[in-house]
Amino acid sequence: MERTLALGLDVGHPILSKAARYLVGLLEGPLADFPDPPEKNDRWATGARLFTAATLALVQPDHPALDEVWYLWVSIAQRTFTSGRYDPEAEMLAHRELTGATVRDSYPVLSGKYQLALLSGRPDALPRDLEQALLDWV
């Protein structure tokens, strides 16, 4: 998806439309349909849905199939930035409570490309204080 956009394909191009339909199917269907085999850790389900949603958000950021994942990451970010500043312990706790994942020193933390791409896909929907806190942190 990133490559096709970088090459200048329009989001309405048939290739991107077909890819978006596939990603929607992954988000709405069972994780068993995810193309990579599951990892043997408590982060895999969260990561698989994140990667899928962030990729779909590149071309259809307002698609309703993104809502559940997008709101999850907004909740994680809100809990992480409750004080107005990044709090890694609050982020670990948010994941433990919301996803069941242990994320210390692992890929599902907010500083990842996919997390930031997903959250930035709907800039007008983020609470302004959270958006500012994220921007200041990044």
C-alpha atoms as a PDB file:
ATOM      1  CA  MET A   1       0.000   0.000   0.000  1.00  0.00           C
ATOM      2  CA  GLU A   2       2.752   2.434   0.934  1.00  0.00           C
ATOM      3  CA  ARG A   3       4.649   1.656  -2.231  1.00  0.00           C
ATOM      4  CA  THR A   4       1.645   2.131  -4.508  1.00  0.00           C
ATOM      5  CA  LEU A   5       0.895   5.492  -2.898  1.00  0.00           C
ATOM      6  CA  ALA A   6       4.554   6.512  -3.178  1.00  0.00           C
ATOM      7  CA  LEU A   7       4.438   5.619  -6.867  1.00  0.00           C
ATOM      8  CA  GLY A   8       1.489   7.983  -7.282  1.00  0.00           C
ATOM      9  CA  LEU A   9      -1.470   5.651  -7.549  1.00  0.00           C
ATOM     10  CA  ASP A  10      -4.691   7.368  -6.545  1.00  0.00           C
ATOM     11  CA  VAL A  11      -6.584   5.939  -3.560  1.00  0.00           C
ATOM     12  CA  GLY A  12      -9.421   5.109  -5.952  1.00  0.00           C
ATOM     13  CA  HIS A  13      -7.178   2.929  -8.136  1.00  0.00           C
ATOM     14  CA  PRO A  14      -8.495  -0.650  -8.542  1.00  0.00           C
ATOM     15  CA  ILE A  15      -5.343  -2.123  -6.982  1.00  0.00           C
ATOM     16  CA  LEU A  16      -5.772  -0.056  -3.822  1.00  0.00           C
ATOM     17  CA  SER A  17      -9.520  -0.684  -3.737  1.00  0.00           C
ATOM     18  CA  LYS A  18      -8.940  -4.432  -3.901  1.00  0.00           C
ATOM     19  CA  ALA A  19      -6.245  -4.248  -1.224  1.00  0.00           C
ATOM     20  CA  ALA A  20      -8.538  -2.169   1.011  1.00  0.00           C
ATOM     21  CA  ARG A  21     -11.327  -4.751   0.661  1.00  0.00           C
ATOM     22  CA  TYR A  22      -8.863  -7.466   1.662  1.00  0.00           C
ATOM     23  CA  LEU A  23      -7.763  -5.503   4.734  1.00  0.00           C
ATOM     24  CA  VAL A  24     -11.373  -4.840   5.739  1.00  0.00           C
ATOM     25  CA  GLY A  25     -11.974  -8.584   5.479  1.00  0.00           C
ATOM     26  CA  LEU A  26      -9.043  -9.230   7.807  1.00  0.00           C
ATOM     27  CA  LEU A  27     -10.333  -6.704  10.343  1.00  0.00           C
ATOM     28  CA  GLU A  28     -13.882  -8.018  10.225  1.00  0.00           C
ATOM     29  CA  GLY A  29     -13.008 -11.697  10.023  1.00  0.00           C
ATOM     30  CA  PRO A  30     -11.184 -14.121  12.280  1.00  0.00           C
ATOM     31  CA  LEU A  31      -7.498 -13.529  12.989  1.00  0.00           C
ATOM     32  CA  ALA A  32      -6.928 -17.031  11.654  1.00  0.00           C
ATOM     33  CA  ASP A  33      -7.164 -15.441   8.183  1.00  0.00           C
ATOM     34  CA  PHE A  34      -4.146 -13.175   8.865  1.00  0.00           C
ATOM     35  CA  PRO A  35      -1.470 -14.080   6.281  1.00  0.00           C
ATOM     36  CA  ASP A  36       1.437 -14.500   8.731  1.00  0.00           C
ATOM     37  CA  PRO A  37       1.483 -17.344  11.219  1.00  0.00           C
ATOM     38  CA  PRO A  38       0.671 -16.325  14.779  1.00  0.00           C
ATOM     39  CA  GLU A  39       3.535 -15.485  17.078  1.00  0.00           C
ATOM     40  CA  LYS A  40       3.717 -17.308  20.391  1.00  0.00           C
ATOM     41  CA  ASN A  41       3.255 -14.296  22.663  1.00  0.00           C
ATOM     42  CA  ASP A  42       0.466 -12.194  24.134  1.00  0.00           C
ATOM     43  CA  ARG A  43       1.093  -9.314  21.684  1.00  0.00           C
ATOM     44  CA  TRP A  44       0.358 -11.031  18.400  1.00  0.00           C
ATOM     45  CA  ALA A  45      -3.398 -10.395  18.160  1.00  0.00           C
ATOM     46  CA  THR A  46      -2.969  -6.728  19.075  1.00  0.00           C
ATOM     47  CA  GLY A  47      -0.136  -6.331  16.592  1.00  0.00           C
ATOM     48  CA  ALA A  48      -1.900  -8.109  13.734  1.00  0.00           C
ATOM     49  CA  ARG A  49      -4.988  -5.913  14.078  1.00  0.00           C
ATOM     50  CA  LEU A  50      -2.823  -2.805  14.425  1.00  0.00           C
ATOM     51  CA  PHE A  51      -0.772  -3.521  11.289  1.00  0.00           C
ATOM     52  CA  THR A  52      -3.919  -4.238   9.298  1.00  0.00           C
ATOM     53  CA  ALA A  53      -5.774  -1.149  10.531  1.00  0.00           C
ATOM     54  CA  ALA A  54      -2.833   1.212  10.053  1.00  0.00           C
ATOM     55  CA  THR A  55      -2.360  -0.012   6.502  1.00  0.00           C
ATOM     56  CA  LEU A  56      -6.057   0.418   5.694  1.00  0.00           C
ATOM     57  CA  ALA A  57      -5.959   3.899   7.244  1.00  0.00           C
ATOM     58  CA  LEU A  58      -3.502   4.957   4.538  1.00  0.00           C
ATOM     59  CA  VAL A  59      -6.285   4.837   1.939  1.00  0.00           C
ATOM     60  CA  GLN A  60      -9.548   4.775   3.903  1.00  0.00           C
ATOM     61  CA  PRO A  61      -8.967   6.399   7.314  1.00  0.00           C
ATOM     62  CA  ASP A  62     -12.695   6.818   7.955  1.00  0.00           C
ATOM     63  CA  HIS A  63     -13.696   3.239   7.142  1.00  0.00           C
ATOM     64  CA  PRO A  64     -15.926   1.891   9.932  1.00  0.00           C
ATOM     65  CA  ALA A  65     -13.884  -1.329  10.065  1.00  0.00           C
ATOM     66  CA  LEU A  66     -11.126   0.760  11.669  1.00  0.00           C
ATOM     67  CA  ASP A  67     -13.252   2.076  14.512  1.00  0.00           C
ATOM     68  CA  GLU A  68     -12.614  -0.612  17.108  1.00  0.00           C
ATOM     69  CA  VAL A  69      -8.835  -0.643  16.597  1.00  0.00           C
ATOM     70  CA  TRP A  70      -8.614   3.152  16.302  1.00  0.00           C
ATOM     71  CA  TYR A  71     -10.539   3.706  19.543  1.00  0.00           C
ATOM     72  CA  LEU A  72      -8.395   1.107  21.309  1.00  0.00           C
ATOM     73  CA  TRP A  73      -5.235   3.010  20.389  1.00  0.00           C
ATOM     74  CA  VAL A  74      -6.813   6.336  21.321  1.00  0.00           C
ATOM     75  CA  SER A  75      -7.604   4.823  24.735  1.00  0.00           C
ATOM     76  CA  ILE A  76      -4.052   3.540  25.109  1.00  0.00           C
ATOM     77  CA  ALA A  77      -2.691   6.978  24.166  1.00  0.00           C
ATOM     78  CA  GLN A  78      -5.077   8.790  26.514  1.00  0.00           C
ATOM     79  CA  ARG A  79      -4.036   6.604  29.436  1.00  0.00           C
ATOM     80  CA  THR A  80      -0.379   6.997  28.483  1.00  0.00           C
ATOM     81  CA  PHE A  81      -0.610  10.800  28.358  1.00  0.00           C
ATOM     82  CA  THR A  82      -2.964  11.355  31.309  1.00  0.00           C
ATOM     83  CA  SER A  83      -0.417  13.684  32.883  1.00  0.00           C
ATOM     84  CA  GLY A  84       0.063  15.547  29.593  1.00  0.00           C
ATOM     85  CA  ARG A  85       3.444  13.862  29.105  1.00  0.00           C
ATOM     86  CA  TYR A  86       4.483  10.427  27.952  1.00  0.00           C
ATOM     87  CA  ASP A  87       4.455   7.942  30.827  1.00  0.00           C
ATOM     88  CA  PRO A  88       5.887   4.527  29.870  1.00  0.00           C
ATOM     89  CA  GLU A  89       4.523   2.870  33.003  1.00  0.00           C
ATOM     90  CA  ALA A  90       1.018   4.166  32.218  1.00  0.00           C
ATOM     91  CA  GLU A  91       1.398   2.763  28.706  1.00  0.00           C
ATOM     92  CA  MET A  92       2.395  -0.670  30.056  1.00  0.00           C
ATOM     93  CA  LEU A  93      -0.601  -0.634  32.400  1.00  0.00           C
ATOM     94  CA  ALA A  94      -2.967   0.500  29.615  1.00  0.00           C
ATOM     95  CA  HIS A  95      -1.880  -2.423  27.463  1.00  0.00           C
ATOM     96  CA  ARG A  96      -2.173  -4.886  30.301  1.00  0.00           C
ATOM     97  CA  GLU A  97      -5.727  -3.697  31.034  1.00  0.00           C
ATOM     98  CA  LEU A  98      -6.973  -3.082  27.470  1.00  0.00           C
ATOM     99  CA  THR A  99      -5.189  -5.711  25.382  1.00  0.00           C
ATOM    100  CA  GLY A 100      -3.754  -8.171  27.868  1.00  0.00           C
ATOM    101  CA  ALA A 101      -0.367  -7.689  26.213  1.00  0.00           C
ATOM    102  CA  THR A 102       2.973  -7.202  27.879  1.00  0.00           C
ATOM    103  CA  VAL A 103       4.685  -4.579  25.753  1.00  0.00           C
ATOM    104  CA  ARG A 104       7.793  -3.468  27.645  1.00  0.00           C
ATOM    105  CA  ASP A 105      10.646  -3.213  25.122  1.00  0.00           C
ATOM    106  CA  SER A 106       8.422  -4.593  22.373  1.00  0.00           C
ATOM    107  CA  TYR A 107       6.753  -3.431  19.177  1.00  0.00           C
ATOM    108  CA  PRO A 108       3.211  -2.512  20.325  1.00  0.00           C
ATOM    109  CA  VAL A 109       4.348   0.649  22.138  1.00  0.00           C
ATOM    110  CA  LEU A 110       3.077   4.015  20.904  1.00  0.00           C
ATOM    111  CA  SER A 111       6.367   5.049  19.330  1.00  0.00           C
ATOM    112  CA  GLY A 112       5.868   2.610  16.454  1.00  0.00           C
ATOM    113  CA  LYS A 113       5.229   3.582  12.862  1.00  0.00           C
ATOM    114  CA  TYR A 114       1.884   1.781  12.680  1.00  0.00           C
ATOM    115  CA  GLN A 115       0.515   3.217  15.912  1.00  0.00           C
ATOM    116  CA  LEU A 116       1.337   6.770  14.890  1.00  0.00           C
ATOM    117  CA  ALA A 117       0.077   6.227  11.330  1.00  0.00           C
ATOM    118  CA  LEU A 118      -3.230   4.889  12.635  1.00  0.00           C
ATOM    119  CA  LEU A 119      -3.734   7.716  15.130  1.00  0.00           C
ATOM    120  CA  SER A 120      -2.770  10.383  12.607  1.00  0.00           C
ATOM    121  CA  GLY A 121      -5.182   8.992  10.021  1.00  0.00           C
ATOM    122  CA  ARG A 122      -8.093  10.712  11.755  1.00  0.00           C
ATOM    123  CA  PRO A 123      -6.567  13.975  12.978  1.00  0.00           C
ATOM    124  CA  ASP A 124      -9.868  15.786  13.427  1.00  0.00           C
ATOM    125  CA  ALA A 125     -11.162  12.979  15.645  1.00  0.00           C
ATOM    126  CA  LEU A 126      -8.350  13.019  18.215  1.00  0.00           C
ATOM    127  CA  PRO A 127      -8.972  15.102  21.325  1.00  0.00           C
ATOM    128  CA  ARG A 128      -6.886  18.278  20.910  1.00  0.00           C
ATOM    129  CA  ASP A 129      -5.000  17.839  24.177  1.00  0.00           C
ATOM    130  CA  LEU A 130      -4.050  14.286  23.217  1.00  0.00           C
ATOM    131  CA  GLU A 131      -3.006  15.355  19.731  1.00  0.00           C
ATOM    132  CA  GLN A 132      -0.802  18.091  21.206  1.00  0.00           C
ATOM    133  CA  ALA A 133       0.727  15.729  23.755  1.00  0.00           C
ATOM    134  CA  LEU A 134       1.531  13.212  21.016  1.00  0.00           C
ATOM    135  CA  LEU A 135       3.043  15.908  18.796  1.00  0.00           C
ATOM    136  CA  ASP A 136       5.137  17.309  21.619  1.00  0.00           C
ATOM    137  CA  TRP A 137       6.375  13.819  22.463  1.00  0.00           C
ATOM    138  CA  VAL A 138       7.167  12.826  18.898  1.00  0.00           C
END
